[in-house]
């Protein structure tokens, strides 16, 4: 019986581990969002490698107080004939972020996957 009470108290305390304003968000899993990398320069710029490009993205978002749980640059089909600005460069930014950042990421061209 002692263990039962200890477990119940432990679970209750774990529920208060998040800050009050983030309690709803911290209980939810990260949201996956995507954005096609286009022929035009992204506001965070390009790197010479995928890792450098992702690093620039993370740095840019951190400056806007947007924290990512994970990120990846995934190969995607691209039309080799299309060189216009809105055409795909052949990659998609795939990010996972807390739900509280959805609106901010949508403003940067990301959409929920």
PDB file of N, CA and C in Angstrom:
ATOM      1  N   UNK A   1       0.825  -1.186   0.000  1.00  0.00           N
ATOM      2  CA  UNK A   1       0.000   0.000   0.000  1.00  0.00           C
ATOM      3  C   UNK A   1       0.872   1.254   0.000  1.00  0.00           C
ATOM      4  N   UNK A   2       2.000   1.204   0.721  1.00  0.00           N
ATOM      5  CA  UNK A   2       2.914   2.346   0.739  1.00  0.00           C
ATOM      6  C   UNK A   2       3.391   2.673  -0.665  1.00  0.00           C
ATOM      7  N   UNK A   3       3.695   1.626  -1.439  1.00  0.00           N
ATOM      8  CA  UNK A   3       4.194   1.833  -2.800  1.00  0.00           C
ATOM      9  C   UNK A   3       3.134   2.473  -3.682  1.00  0.00           C
ATOM     10  N   UNK A   4       1.903   2.082  -3.469  1.00  0.00           N
ATOM     11  CA  UNK A   4       0.802   2.666  -4.236  1.00  0.00           C
ATOM     12  C   UNK A   4       0.748   4.177  -4.013  1.00  0.00           C
ATOM     13  N   UNK A   5       0.805   4.603  -2.756  1.00  0.00           N
ATOM     14  CA  UNK A   5       0.771   6.037  -2.450  1.00  0.00           C
ATOM     15  C   UNK A   5       2.007   6.750  -2.997  1.00  0.00           C
ATOM     16  N   UNK A   6       3.149   6.109  -2.924  1.00  0.00           N
ATOM     17  CA  UNK A   6       4.384   6.713  -3.444  1.00  0.00           C
ATOM     18  C   UNK A   6       4.283   6.909  -4.952  1.00  0.00           C
ATOM     19  N   UNK A   7       3.718   5.932  -5.646  1.00  0.00           N
ATOM     20  CA  UNK A   7       3.560   6.041  -7.102  1.00  0.00           C
ATOM     21  C   UNK A   7       2.568   7.147  -7.451  1.00  0.00           C
ATOM     22  N   UNK A   8       1.457   7.192  -6.763  1.00  0.00           N
ATOM     23  CA  UNK A   8       0.448   8.218  -7.018  1.00  0.00           C
ATOM     24  C   UNK A   8       1.031   9.609  -6.775  1.00  0.00           C
ATOM     25  N   UNK A   9       1.742   9.781  -5.689  1.00  0.00           N
ATOM     26  CA  UNK A   9       2.346  11.085  -5.378  1.00  0.00           C
ATOM     27  C   UNK A   9       3.395  11.428  -6.430  1.00  0.00           C
ATOM     28  N   UNK A  10       4.186  10.448  -6.844  1.00  0.00           N
ATOM     29  CA  UNK A  10       5.193  10.675  -7.882  1.00  0.00           C
ATOM     30  C   UNK A  10       4.572  11.109  -9.197  1.00  0.00           C
ATOM     31  N   UNK A  11       3.488  10.482  -9.574  1.00  0.00           N
ATOM     32  CA  UNK A  11       2.792  10.862 -10.812  1.00  0.00           C
ATOM     33  C   UNK A  11       2.203  12.262 -10.719  1.00  0.00           C
ATOM     34  N   UNK A  12       1.659  12.600  -9.578  1.00  0.00           N
ATOM     35  CA  UNK A  12       1.115  13.950  -9.396  1.00  0.00           C
ATOM     36  C   UNK A  12       2.211  15.001  -9.484  1.00  0.00           C
ATOM     37  N   UNK A  13       3.347  14.732  -8.874  1.00  0.00           N
ATOM     38  CA  UNK A  13       4.464  15.674  -8.927  1.00  0.00           C
ATOM     39  C   UNK A  13       5.007  15.802 -10.351  1.00  0.00           C
ATOM     40  N   UNK A  14       5.037  14.708 -11.087  1.00  0.00           N
ATOM     41  CA  UNK A  14       5.512  14.754 -12.472  1.00  0.00           C
ATOM     42  C   UNK A  14       4.609  15.625 -13.331  1.00  0.00           C
ATOM     43  N   UNK A  15       3.338  15.649 -13.010  1.00  0.00           N
ATOM     44  CA  UNK A  15       2.392  16.488 -13.747  1.00  0.00           C
ATOM     45  C   UNK A  15       2.649  17.969 -13.563  1.00  0.00           C
ATOM     46  N   UNK A  16       3.311  18.339 -12.466  1.00  0.00           N
ATOM     47  CA  UNK A  16       3.624  19.743 -12.197  1.00  0.00           C
ATOM     48  C   UNK A  16       5.049  20.107 -12.580  1.00  0.00           C
ATOM     49  N   UNK A  17       5.752  19.217 -13.277  1.00  0.00           N
ATOM     50  CA  UNK A  17       7.150  19.469 -13.636  1.00  0.00           C
ATOM     51  C   UNK A  17       7.270  20.573 -14.689  1.00  0.00           C
ATOM     52  N   UNK A  18       6.279  20.707 -15.536  1.00  0.00           N
ATOM     53  CA  UNK A  18       6.310  21.751 -16.563  1.00  0.00           C
ATOM     54  C   UNK A  18       5.905  23.085 -15.944  1.00  0.00           C
ATOM     55  N   UNK A  19       6.354  24.159 -16.582  1.00  0.00           N
ATOM     56  CA  UNK A  19       5.879  25.468 -16.141  1.00  0.00           C
ATOM     57  C   UNK A  19       4.383  25.537 -16.408  1.00  0.00           C
ATOM     58  N   UNK A  20       3.675  26.274 -15.619  1.00  0.00           N
ATOM     59  CA  UNK A  20       2.223  26.335 -15.735  1.00  0.00           C
ATOM     60  C   UNK A  20       1.783  26.731 -17.135  1.00  0.00           C
ATOM     61  N   UNK A  21       2.411  27.733 -17.745  1.00  0.00           N
ATOM     62  CA  UNK A  21       1.977  28.197 -19.062  1.00  0.00           C
ATOM     63  C   UNK A  21       2.264  27.186 -20.163  1.00  0.00           C
ATOM     64  N   UNK A  22       3.227  26.268 -19.962  1.00  0.00           N
ATOM     65  CA  UNK A  22       3.581  25.290 -20.985  1.00  0.00           C
ATOM     66  C   UNK A  22       3.068  23.890 -20.661  1.00  0.00           C
ATOM     67  N   UNK A  23       2.251  23.756 -19.633  1.00  0.00           N
ATOM     68  CA  UNK A  23       1.824  22.430 -19.196  1.00  0.00           C
ATOM     69  C   UNK A  23       1.127  21.668 -20.308  1.00  0.00           C
ATOM     70  N   UNK A  24       0.283  22.340 -21.086  1.00  0.00           N
ATOM     71  CA  UNK A  24      -0.429  21.654 -22.171  1.00  0.00           C
ATOM     72  C   UNK A  24       0.562  21.246 -23.258  1.00  0.00           C
ATOM     73  N   UNK A  25       1.455  22.151 -23.635  1.00  0.00           N
ATOM     74  CA  UNK A  25       2.379  21.873 -24.721  1.00  0.00           C
ATOM     75  C   UNK A  25       3.382  20.783 -24.373  1.00  0.00           C
ATOM     76  N   UNK A  26       3.868  20.790 -23.157  1.00  0.00           N
ATOM     77  CA  UNK A  26       4.916  19.824 -22.837  1.00  0.00           C
ATOM     78  C   UNK A  26       4.371  18.410 -22.758  1.00  0.00           C
ATOM     79  N   UNK A  27       3.076  18.243 -22.614  1.00  0.00           N
ATOM     80  CA  UNK A  27       2.485  16.919 -22.557  1.00  0.00           C
ATOM     81  C   UNK A  27       2.223  16.367 -23.954  1.00  0.00           C
ATOM     82  N   UNK A  28       2.246  17.213 -24.957  1.00  0.00           N
ATOM     83  CA  UNK A  28       1.966  16.782 -26.320  1.00  0.00           C
ATOM     84  C   UNK A  28       3.251  16.403 -27.042  1.00  0.00           C
ATOM     85  N   UNK A  29       3.155  15.426 -27.964  1.00  0.00           N
ATOM     86  CA  UNK A  29       4.341  15.089 -28.751  1.00  0.00           C
ATOM     87  C   UNK A  29       4.654  16.213 -29.735  1.00  0.00           C
ATOM     88  N   UNK A  30       5.894  16.290 -30.217  1.00  0.00           N
ATOM     89  CA  UNK A  30       6.230  17.338 -31.184  1.00  0.00           C
ATOM     90  C   UNK A  30       5.425  17.177 -32.472  1.00  0.00           C
ATOM     91  N   UNK A  31       5.175  18.292 -33.133  1.00  0.00           N
ATOM     92  CA  UNK A  31       4.426  18.305 -34.389  1.00  0.00           C
ATOM     93  C   UNK A  31       5.426  18.287 -35.539  1.00  0.00           C
ATOM     94  N   UNK A  32       5.185  17.433 -36.522  1.00  0.00           N
ATOM     95  CA  UNK A  32       6.062  17.366 -37.690  1.00  0.00           C
ATOM     96  C   UNK A  32       5.574  18.355 -38.742  1.00  0.00           C
ATOM     97  N   UNK A  33       6.489  19.193 -39.215  1.00  0.00           N
ATOM     98  CA  UNK A  33       6.158  20.191 -40.227  1.00  0.00           C
ATOM     99  C   UNK A  33       7.198  20.123 -41.346  1.00  0.00           C
ATOM    100  N   UNK A  34       6.777  20.499 -42.554  1.00  0.00           N
ATOM    101  CA  UNK A  34       7.662  20.423 -43.709  1.00  0.00           C
ATOM    102  C   UNK A  34       7.635  21.721 -44.508  1.00  0.00           C
ATOM    103  N   UNK A  35       8.702  21.936 -45.248  1.00  0.00           N
ATOM    104  CA  UNK A  35       8.799  23.090 -46.145  1.00  0.00           C
ATOM    105  C   UNK A  35       9.732  22.708 -47.284  1.00  0.00           C
ATOM    106  N   UNK A  36       9.285  22.914 -48.511  1.00  0.00           N
ATOM    107  CA  UNK A  36      10.108  22.607 -49.673  1.00  0.00           C
ATOM    108  C   UNK A  36      11.210  23.638 -49.814  1.00  0.00           C
ATOM    109  N   UNK A  37      12.419  23.152 -50.045  1.00  0.00           N
ATOM    110  CA  UNK A  37      13.534  24.054 -50.310  1.00  0.00           C
ATOM    111  C   UNK A  37      13.427  24.463 -51.781  1.00  0.00           C
ATOM    112  N   UNK A  38      13.288  25.750 -52.020  1.00  0.00           N
ATOM    113  CA  UNK A  38      13.071  26.231 -53.389  1.00  0.00           C
ATOM    114  C   UNK A  38      14.365  26.743 -54.010  1.00  0.00           C
ATOM    115  N   UNK A  39      14.269  27.109 -55.289  1.00  0.00           N
ATOM    116  CA  UNK A  39      15.422  27.642 -56.017  1.00  0.00           C
ATOM    117  C   UNK A  39      15.852  28.999 -55.464  1.00  0.00           C
ATOM    118  N   UNK A  40      14.936  29.719 -54.840  1.00  0.00           N
ATOM    119  CA  UNK A  40      15.280  31.018 -54.252  1.00  0.00           C
ATOM    120  C   UNK A  40      15.980  30.809 -52.915  1.00  0.00           C
ATOM    121  N   UNK A  41      16.788  31.770 -52.522  1.00  0.00           N
ATOM    122  CA  UNK A  41      17.476  31.670 -51.234  1.00  0.00           C
ATOM    123  C   UNK A  41      16.488  31.692 -50.087  1.00  0.00           C
ATOM    124  N   UNK A  42      16.699  30.776 -49.150  1.00  0.00           N
ATOM    125  CA  UNK A  42      15.931  30.808 -47.909  1.00  0.00           C
ATOM    126  C   UNK A  42      16.486  31.933 -47.047  1.00  0.00           C
ATOM    127  N   UNK A  43      15.659  32.509 -46.197  1.00  0.00           N
ATOM    128  CA  UNK A  43      16.109  33.630 -45.367  1.00  0.00           C
ATOM    129  C   UNK A  43      17.269  33.230 -44.451  1.00  0.00           C
ATOM    130  N   UNK A  44      17.411  31.947 -44.129  1.00  0.00           N
ATOM    131  CA  UNK A  44      18.519  31.489 -43.285  1.00  0.00           C
ATOM    132  C   UNK A  44      19.741  31.141 -44.112  1.00  0.00           C
ATOM    133  N   UNK A  45      19.629  31.150 -45.450  1.00  0.00           N
ATOM    134  CA  UNK A  45      20.764  30.897 -46.329  1.00  0.00           C
ATOM    135  C   UNK A  45      21.009  29.414 -46.584  1.00  0.00           C
ATOM    136  N   UNK A  46      21.991  29.163 -47.394  1.00  0.00           N
ATOM    137  CA  UNK A  46      22.381  27.795 -47.740  1.00  0.00           C
ATOM    138  C   UNK A  46      23.758  27.503 -47.167  1.00  0.00           C
ATOM    139  N   UNK A  47      24.010  26.247 -46.900  1.00  0.00           N
ATOM    140  CA  UNK A  47      25.336  25.815 -46.482  1.00  0.00           C
ATOM    141  C   UNK A  47      25.957  24.978 -47.588  1.00  0.00           C
ATOM    142  N   UNK A  48      27.219  24.670 -47.460  1.00  0.00           N
ATOM    143  CA  UNK A  48      27.882  23.853 -48.468  1.00  0.00           C
ATOM    144  C   UNK A  48      27.552  22.372 -48.286  1.00  0.00           C
ATOM    145  N   UNK A  49      26.990  22.007 -47.132  1.00  0.00           N
ATOM    146  CA  UNK A  49      26.534  20.639 -46.872  1.00  0.00           C
ATOM    147  C   UNK A  49      25.125  20.693 -46.279  1.00  0.00           C
ATOM    148  N   UNK A  50      24.456  19.550 -46.278  1.00  0.00           N
ATOM    149  CA  UNK A  50      23.120  19.487 -45.664  1.00  0.00           C
ATOM    150  C   UNK A  50      23.189  19.851 -44.185  1.00  0.00           C
ATOM    151  N   UNK A  51      24.228  19.384 -43.501  1.00  0.00           N
ATOM    152  CA  UNK A  51      24.370  19.667 -42.073  1.00  0.00           C
ATOM    153  C   UNK A  51      24.529  21.166 -41.824  1.00  0.00           C
ATOM    154  N   UNK A  52      25.294  21.829 -42.683  1.00  0.00           N
ATOM    155  CA  UNK A  52      25.487  23.271 -42.520  1.00  0.00           C
ATOM    156  C   UNK A  52      24.185  24.033 -42.808  1.00  0.00           C
ATOM    157  N   UNK A  53      23.433  23.582 -43.802  1.00  0.00           N
ATOM    158  CA  UNK A  53      22.146  24.208 -44.111  1.00  0.00           C
ATOM    159  C   UNK A  53      21.194  24.060 -42.924  1.00  0.00           C
ATOM    160  N   UNK A  54      21.143  22.866 -42.329  1.00  0.00           N
ATOM    161  CA  UNK A  54      20.288  22.648 -41.156  1.00  0.00           C
ATOM    162  C   UNK A  54      20.764  23.475 -39.969  1.00  0.00           C
ATOM    163  N   UNK A  55      22.054  23.620 -39.822  1.00  0.00           N
ATOM    164  CA  UNK A  55      22.596  24.440 -38.746  1.00  0.00           C
ATOM    165  C   UNK A  55      22.173  25.896 -38.912  1.00  0.00           C
ATOM    166  N   UNK A  56      22.198  26.388 -40.135  1.00  0.00           N
ATOM    167  CA  UNK A  56      21.757  27.757 -40.398  1.00  0.00           C
ATOM    168  C   UNK A  56      20.272  27.921 -40.088  1.00  0.00           C
ATOM    169  N   UNK A  57      19.470  26.912 -40.457  1.00  0.00           N
ATOM    170  CA  UNK A  57      18.037  26.945 -40.153  1.00  0.00           C
ATOM    171  C   UNK A  57      17.819  27.008 -38.642  1.00  0.00           C
ATOM    172  N   UNK A  58      18.491  26.143 -37.902  1.00  0.00           N
ATOM    173  CA  UNK A  58      18.322  26.104 -36.438  1.00  0.00           C
ATOM    174  C   UNK A  58      18.748  27.423 -35.796  1.00  0.00           C
ATOM    175  N   UNK A  59      19.859  27.990 -36.268  1.00  0.00           N
ATOM    176  CA  UNK A  59      20.341  29.263 -35.735  1.00  0.00           C
ATOM    177  C   UNK A  59      19.337  30.381 -36.001  1.00  0.00           C
ATOM    178  N   UNK A  60      18.799  30.402 -37.218  1.00  0.00           N
ATOM    179  CA  UNK A  60      17.801  31.414 -37.589  1.00  0.00           C
ATOM    180  C   UNK A  60      16.558  31.289 -36.710  1.00  0.00           C
ATOM    181  N   UNK A  61      16.058  30.061 -36.547  1.00  0.00           N
ATOM    182  CA  UNK A  61      14.853  29.849 -35.749  1.00  0.00           C
ATOM    183  C   UNK A  61      15.104  30.145 -34.265  1.00  0.00           C
ATOM    184  N   UNK A  62      16.280  29.796 -33.766  1.00  0.00           N
ATOM    185  CA  UNK A  62      16.605  30.084 -32.368  1.00  0.00           C
ATOM    186  C   UNK A  62      16.608  31.593 -32.112  1.00  0.00           C
ATOM    187  N   UNK A  63      17.056  32.370 -33.098  1.00  0.00           N
ATOM    188  CA  UNK A  63      17.042  33.831 -32.962  1.00  0.00           C
ATOM    189  C   UNK A  63      15.616  34.364 -32.902  1.00  0.00           C
ATOM    190  N   UNK A  64      14.663  33.604 -33.441  1.00  0.00           N
ATOM    191  CA  UNK A  64      13.250  33.973 -33.391  1.00  0.00           C
ATOM    192  C   UNK A  64      12.531  33.253 -32.238  1.00  0.00           C
ATOM    193  N   UNK A  65      13.316  32.681 -31.322  1.00  0.00           N
ATOM    194  CA  UNK A  65      12.789  31.955 -30.155  1.00  0.00           C
ATOM    195  C   UNK A  65      11.931  30.761 -30.536  1.00  0.00           C
ATOM    196  N   UNK A  66      12.296  30.073 -31.606  1.00  0.00           N
ATOM    197  CA  UNK A  66      11.626  28.842 -32.029  1.00  0.00           C
ATOM    198  C   UNK A  66      12.626  27.708 -31.844  1.00  0.00           C
ATOM    199  N   UNK A  67      12.284  26.780 -30.974  1.00  0.00           N
ATOM    200  CA  UNK A  67      13.165  25.643 -30.697  1.00  0.00           C
ATOM    201  C   UNK A  67      12.643  24.397 -31.399  1.00  0.00           C
ATOM    202  N   UNK A  68      13.537  23.677 -32.070  1.00  0.00           N
ATOM    203  CA  UNK A  68      13.176  22.437 -32.755  1.00  0.00           C
ATOM    204  C   UNK A  68      13.556  21.240 -31.907  1.00  0.00           C
ATOM    205  N   UNK A  69      12.718  20.213 -31.950  1.00  0.00           N
ATOM    206  CA  UNK A  69      13.043  18.948 -31.294  1.00  0.00           C
ATOM    207  C   UNK A  69      14.017  18.162 -32.178  1.00  0.00           C
ATOM    208  N   UNK A  70      13.713  18.138 -33.488  1.00  0.00           N
ATOM    209  CA  UNK A  70      14.552  17.444 -34.478  1.00  0.00           C
ATOM    210  C   UNK A  70      14.403  18.172 -35.803  1.00  0.00           C
ATOM    211  N   UNK A  71      15.349  17.920 -36.698  1.00  0.00           N
ATOM    212  CA  UNK A  71      15.251  18.475 -38.041  1.00  0.00           C
ATOM    213  C   UNK A  71      16.003  17.575 -39.011  1.00  0.00           C
ATOM    214  N   UNK A  72      15.578  17.616 -40.267  1.00  0.00           N
ATOM    215  CA  UNK A  72      16.237  16.829 -41.312  1.00  0.00           C
ATOM    216  C   UNK A  72      16.027  17.521 -42.648  1.00  0.00           C
ATOM    217  N   UNK A  73      16.925  17.270 -43.560  1.00  0.00           N
ATOM    218  CA  UNK A  73      16.797  17.746 -44.929  1.00  0.00           C
ATOM    219  C   UNK A  73      16.661  16.485 -45.767  1.00  0.00           C
ATOM    220  N   UNK A  74      15.468  16.262 -46.324  1.00  0.00           N
ATOM    221  CA  UNK A  74      15.128  15.018 -46.988  1.00  0.00           C
ATOM    222  C   UNK A  74      15.045  15.243 -48.497  1.00  0.00           C
ATOM    223  N   UNK A  75      15.660  14.331 -49.263  1.00  0.00           N
ATOM    224  CA  UNK A  75      15.605  14.422 -50.721  1.00  0.00           C
ATOM    225  C   UNK A  75      14.166  14.263 -51.189  1.00  0.00           C
ATOM    226  N   UNK A  76      13.783  15.060 -52.186  1.00  0.00           N
ATOM    227  CA  UNK A  76      12.430  15.028 -52.745  1.00  0.00           C
ATOM    228  C   UNK A  76      12.545  15.197 -54.257  1.00  0.00           C
ATOM    229  N   UNK A  77      11.585  14.679 -55.004  1.00  0.00           N
ATOM    230  CA  UNK A  77      11.642  14.833 -56.453  1.00  0.00           C
ATOM    231  C   UNK A  77      11.612  16.303 -56.865  1.00  0.00           C
ATOM    232  N   UNK A  78      12.392  16.619 -57.860  1.00  0.00           N
ATOM    233  CA  UNK A  78      12.422  17.988 -58.383  1.00  0.00           C
ATOM    234  C   UNK A  78      12.416  17.908 -59.906  1.00  0.00           C
ATOM    235  N   UNK A  79      11.825  18.897 -60.550  1.00  0.00           N
ATOM    236  CA  UNK A  79      11.802  18.980 -62.003  1.00  0.00           C
ATOM    237  C   UNK A  79      13.111  19.628 -62.456  1.00  0.00           C
ATOM    238  N   UNK A  80      13.997  18.882 -63.113  1.00  0.00           N
ATOM    239  CA  UNK A  80      15.296  19.447 -63.494  1.00  0.00           C
ATOM    240  C   UNK A  80      15.176  20.586 -64.511  1.00  0.00           C
ATOM    241  N   UNK A  81      14.041  20.685 -65.183  1.00  0.00           N
ATOM    242  CA  UNK A  81      13.830  21.738 -66.170  1.00  0.00           C
ATOM    243  C   UNK A  81      13.426  23.059 -65.527  1.00  0.00           C
ATOM    244  N   UNK A  82      12.852  22.988 -64.343  1.00  0.00           N
ATOM    245  CA  UNK A  82      12.315  24.185 -63.697  1.00  0.00           C
ATOM    246  C   UNK A  82      13.389  24.865 -62.851  1.00  0.00           C
ATOM    247  N   UNK A  83      13.725  26.072 -63.211  1.00  0.00           N
ATOM    248  CA  UNK A  83      14.718  26.842 -62.455  1.00  0.00           C
ATOM    249  C   UNK A  83      14.114  28.114 -61.863  1.00  0.00           C
ATOM    250  N   UNK A  84      12.793  28.224 -61.910  1.00  0.00           N
ATOM    251  CA  UNK A  84      12.119  29.406 -61.376  1.00  0.00           C
ATOM    252  C   UNK A  84      12.151  29.383 -59.852  1.00  0.00           C
ATOM    253  N   UNK A  85      11.928  30.536 -59.276  1.00  0.00           N
ATOM    254  CA  UNK A  85      12.012  30.704 -57.827  1.00  0.00           C
ATOM    255  C   UNK A  85      11.143  29.717 -57.034  1.00  0.00           C
ATOM    256  N   UNK A  86       9.878  29.498 -57.384  1.00  0.00           N
ATOM    257  CA  UNK A  86       9.061  28.603 -56.556  1.00  0.00           C
ATOM    258  C   UNK A  86       9.314  27.113 -56.794  1.00  0.00           C
ATOM    259  N   UNK A  87      10.166  26.770 -57.741  1.00  0.00           N
ATOM    260  CA  UNK A  87      10.430  25.354 -58.031  1.00  0.00           C
ATOM    261  C   UNK A  87      11.296  24.726 -56.941  1.00  0.00           C
ATOM    262  N   UNK A  88      11.090  23.445 -56.730  1.00  0.00           N
ATOM    263  CA  UNK A  88      11.833  22.711 -55.715  1.00  0.00           C
ATOM    264  C   UNK A  88      13.305  22.591 -56.083  1.00  0.00           C
ATOM    265  N   UNK A  89      14.134  22.691 -55.093  1.00  0.00           N
ATOM    266  CA  UNK A  89      15.569  22.492 -55.280  1.00  0.00           C
ATOM    267  C   UNK A  89      15.923  21.012 -55.104  1.00  0.00           C
ATOM    268  N   UNK A  90      14.931  20.204 -54.746  1.00  0.00           N
ATOM    269  CA  UNK A  90      15.140  18.766 -54.600  1.00  0.00           C
ATOM    270  C   UNK A  90      15.227  18.288 -53.164  1.00  0.00           C
ATOM    271  N   UNK A  91      14.906  19.186 -52.219  1.00  0.00           N
ATOM    272  CA  UNK A  91      14.943  18.803 -50.803  1.00  0.00           C
ATOM    273  C   UNK A  91      13.751  19.398 -50.068  1.00  0.00           C
ATOM    274  N   UNK A  92      13.412  18.757 -48.961  1.00  0.00           N
ATOM    275  CA  UNK A  92      12.344  19.235 -48.086  1.00  0.00           C
ATOM    276  C   UNK A  92      12.908  19.346 -46.673  1.00  0.00           C
ATOM    277  N   UNK A  93      12.664  20.480 -46.028  1.00  0.00           N
ATOM    278  CA  UNK A  93      13.006  20.636 -44.616  1.00  0.00           C
ATOM    279  C   UNK A  93      11.928  19.927 -43.822  1.00  0.00           C
ATOM    280  N   UNK A  94      12.318  18.995 -42.980  1.00  0.00           N
ATOM    281  CA  UNK A  94      11.394  18.222 -42.151  1.00  0.00           C
ATOM    282  C   UNK A  94      11.768  18.527 -40.705  1.00  0.00           C
ATOM    283  N   UNK A  95      10.890  19.220 -39.982  1.00  0.00           N
ATOM    284  CA  UNK A  95      11.186  19.627 -38.608  1.00  0.00           C
ATOM    285  C   UNK A  95      10.098  19.144 -37.653  1.00  0.00           C
ATOM    286  N   UNK A  96      10.489  18.922 -36.419  1.00  0.00           N
ATOM    287  CA  UNK A  96       9.566  18.551 -35.356  1.00  0.00           C
ATOM    288  C   UNK A  96       9.701  19.604 -34.271  1.00  0.00           C
ATOM    289  N   UNK A  97       8.585  20.217 -33.919  1.00  0.00           N
ATOM    290  CA  UNK A  97       8.611  21.296 -32.932  1.00  0.00           C
ATOM    291  C   UNK A  97       7.406  21.198 -32.012  1.00  0.00           C
ATOM    292  N   UNK A  98       7.520  21.844 -30.876  1.00  0.00           N
ATOM    293  CA  UNK A  98       6.444  21.937 -29.917  1.00  0.00           C
ATOM    294  C   UNK A  98       5.254  22.639 -30.577  1.00  0.00           C
ATOM    295  N   UNK A  99       4.055  22.245 -30.225  1.00  0.00           N
ATOM    296  CA  UNK A  99       2.835  22.796 -30.821  1.00  0.00           C
ATOM    297  C   UNK A  99       2.736  24.313 -30.699  1.00  0.00           C
ATOM    298  N   UNK A 100       3.371  24.892 -29.680  1.00  0.00           N
ATOM    299  CA  UNK A 100       3.267  26.342 -29.509  1.00  0.00           C
ATOM    300  C   UNK A 100       3.984  27.117 -30.608  1.00  0.00           C
ATOM    301  N   UNK A 101       4.820  26.441 -31.424  1.00  0.00           N
ATOM    302  CA  UNK A 101       5.552  27.108 -32.503  1.00  0.00           C
ATOM    303  C   UNK A 101       4.884  26.960 -33.874  1.00  0.00           C
ATOM    304  N   UNK A 102       3.742  26.290 -33.945  1.00  0.00           N
ATOM    305  CA  UNK A 102       3.097  26.025 -35.238  1.00  0.00           C
ATOM    306  C   UNK A 102       2.839  27.307 -36.016  1.00  0.00           C
ATOM    307  N   UNK A 103       2.227  28.297 -35.405  1.00  0.00           N
ATOM    308  CA  UNK A 103       1.905  29.531 -36.123  1.00  0.00           C
ATOM    309  C   UNK A 103       3.158  30.245 -36.625  1.00  0.00           C
ATOM    310  N   UNK A 104       4.192  30.277 -35.810  1.00  0.00           N
ATOM    311  CA  UNK A 104       5.437  30.931 -36.209  1.00  0.00           C
ATOM    312  C   UNK A 104       6.073  30.198 -37.398  1.00  0.00           C
ATOM    313  N   UNK A 105       6.058  28.878 -37.362  1.00  0.00           N
ATOM    314  CA  UNK A 105       6.636  28.106 -38.466  1.00  0.00           C
ATOM    315  C   UNK A 105       5.778  28.217 -39.724  1.00  0.00           C
ATOM    316  N   UNK A 106       4.452  28.278 -39.570  1.00  0.00           N
ATOM    317  CA  UNK A 106       3.589  28.487 -40.734  1.00  0.00           C
ATOM    318  C   UNK A 106       3.905  29.814 -41.402  1.00  0.00           C
ATOM    319  N   UNK A 107       4.212  30.840 -40.604  1.00  0.00           N
ATOM    320  CA  UNK A 107       4.575  32.142 -41.141  1.00  0.00           C
ATOM    321  C   UNK A 107       5.867  32.107 -41.946  1.00  0.00           C
ATOM    322  N   UNK A 108       6.675  31.071 -41.744  1.00  0.00           N
ATOM    323  CA  UNK A 108       7.931  30.913 -42.482  1.00  0.00           C
ATOM    324  C   UNK A 108       7.793  29.911 -43.629  1.00  0.00           C
ATOM    325  N   UNK A 109       6.554  29.522 -43.928  1.00  0.00           N
ATOM    326  CA  UNK A 109       6.317  28.641 -45.075  1.00  0.00           C
ATOM    327  C   UNK A 109       6.236  27.151 -44.763  1.00  0.00           C
ATOM    328  N   UNK A 110       6.295  26.789 -43.491  1.00  0.00           N
ATOM    329  CA  UNK A 110       6.170  25.382 -43.123  1.00  0.00           C
ATOM    330  C   UNK A 110       4.692  25.006 -43.040  1.00  0.00           C
ATOM    331  N   UNK A 111       4.404  23.742 -43.271  1.00  0.00           N
ATOM    332  CA  UNK A 111       3.038  23.255 -43.117  1.00  0.00           C
ATOM    333  C   UNK A 111       3.090  21.941 -42.335  1.00  0.00           C
ATOM    334  N   UNK A 112       1.988  21.616 -41.686  1.00  0.00           N
ATOM    335  CA  UNK A 112       1.919  20.388 -40.895  1.00  0.00           C
ATOM    336  C   UNK A 112       1.890  19.203 -41.854  1.00  0.00           C
ATOM    337  N   UNK A 113       2.685  18.222 -41.557  1.00  0.00           N
ATOM    338  CA  UNK A 113       2.769  17.041 -42.413  1.00  0.00           C
ATOM    339  C   UNK A 113       1.634  16.093 -42.086  1.00  0.00           C
TER     340      UNK A 113
END
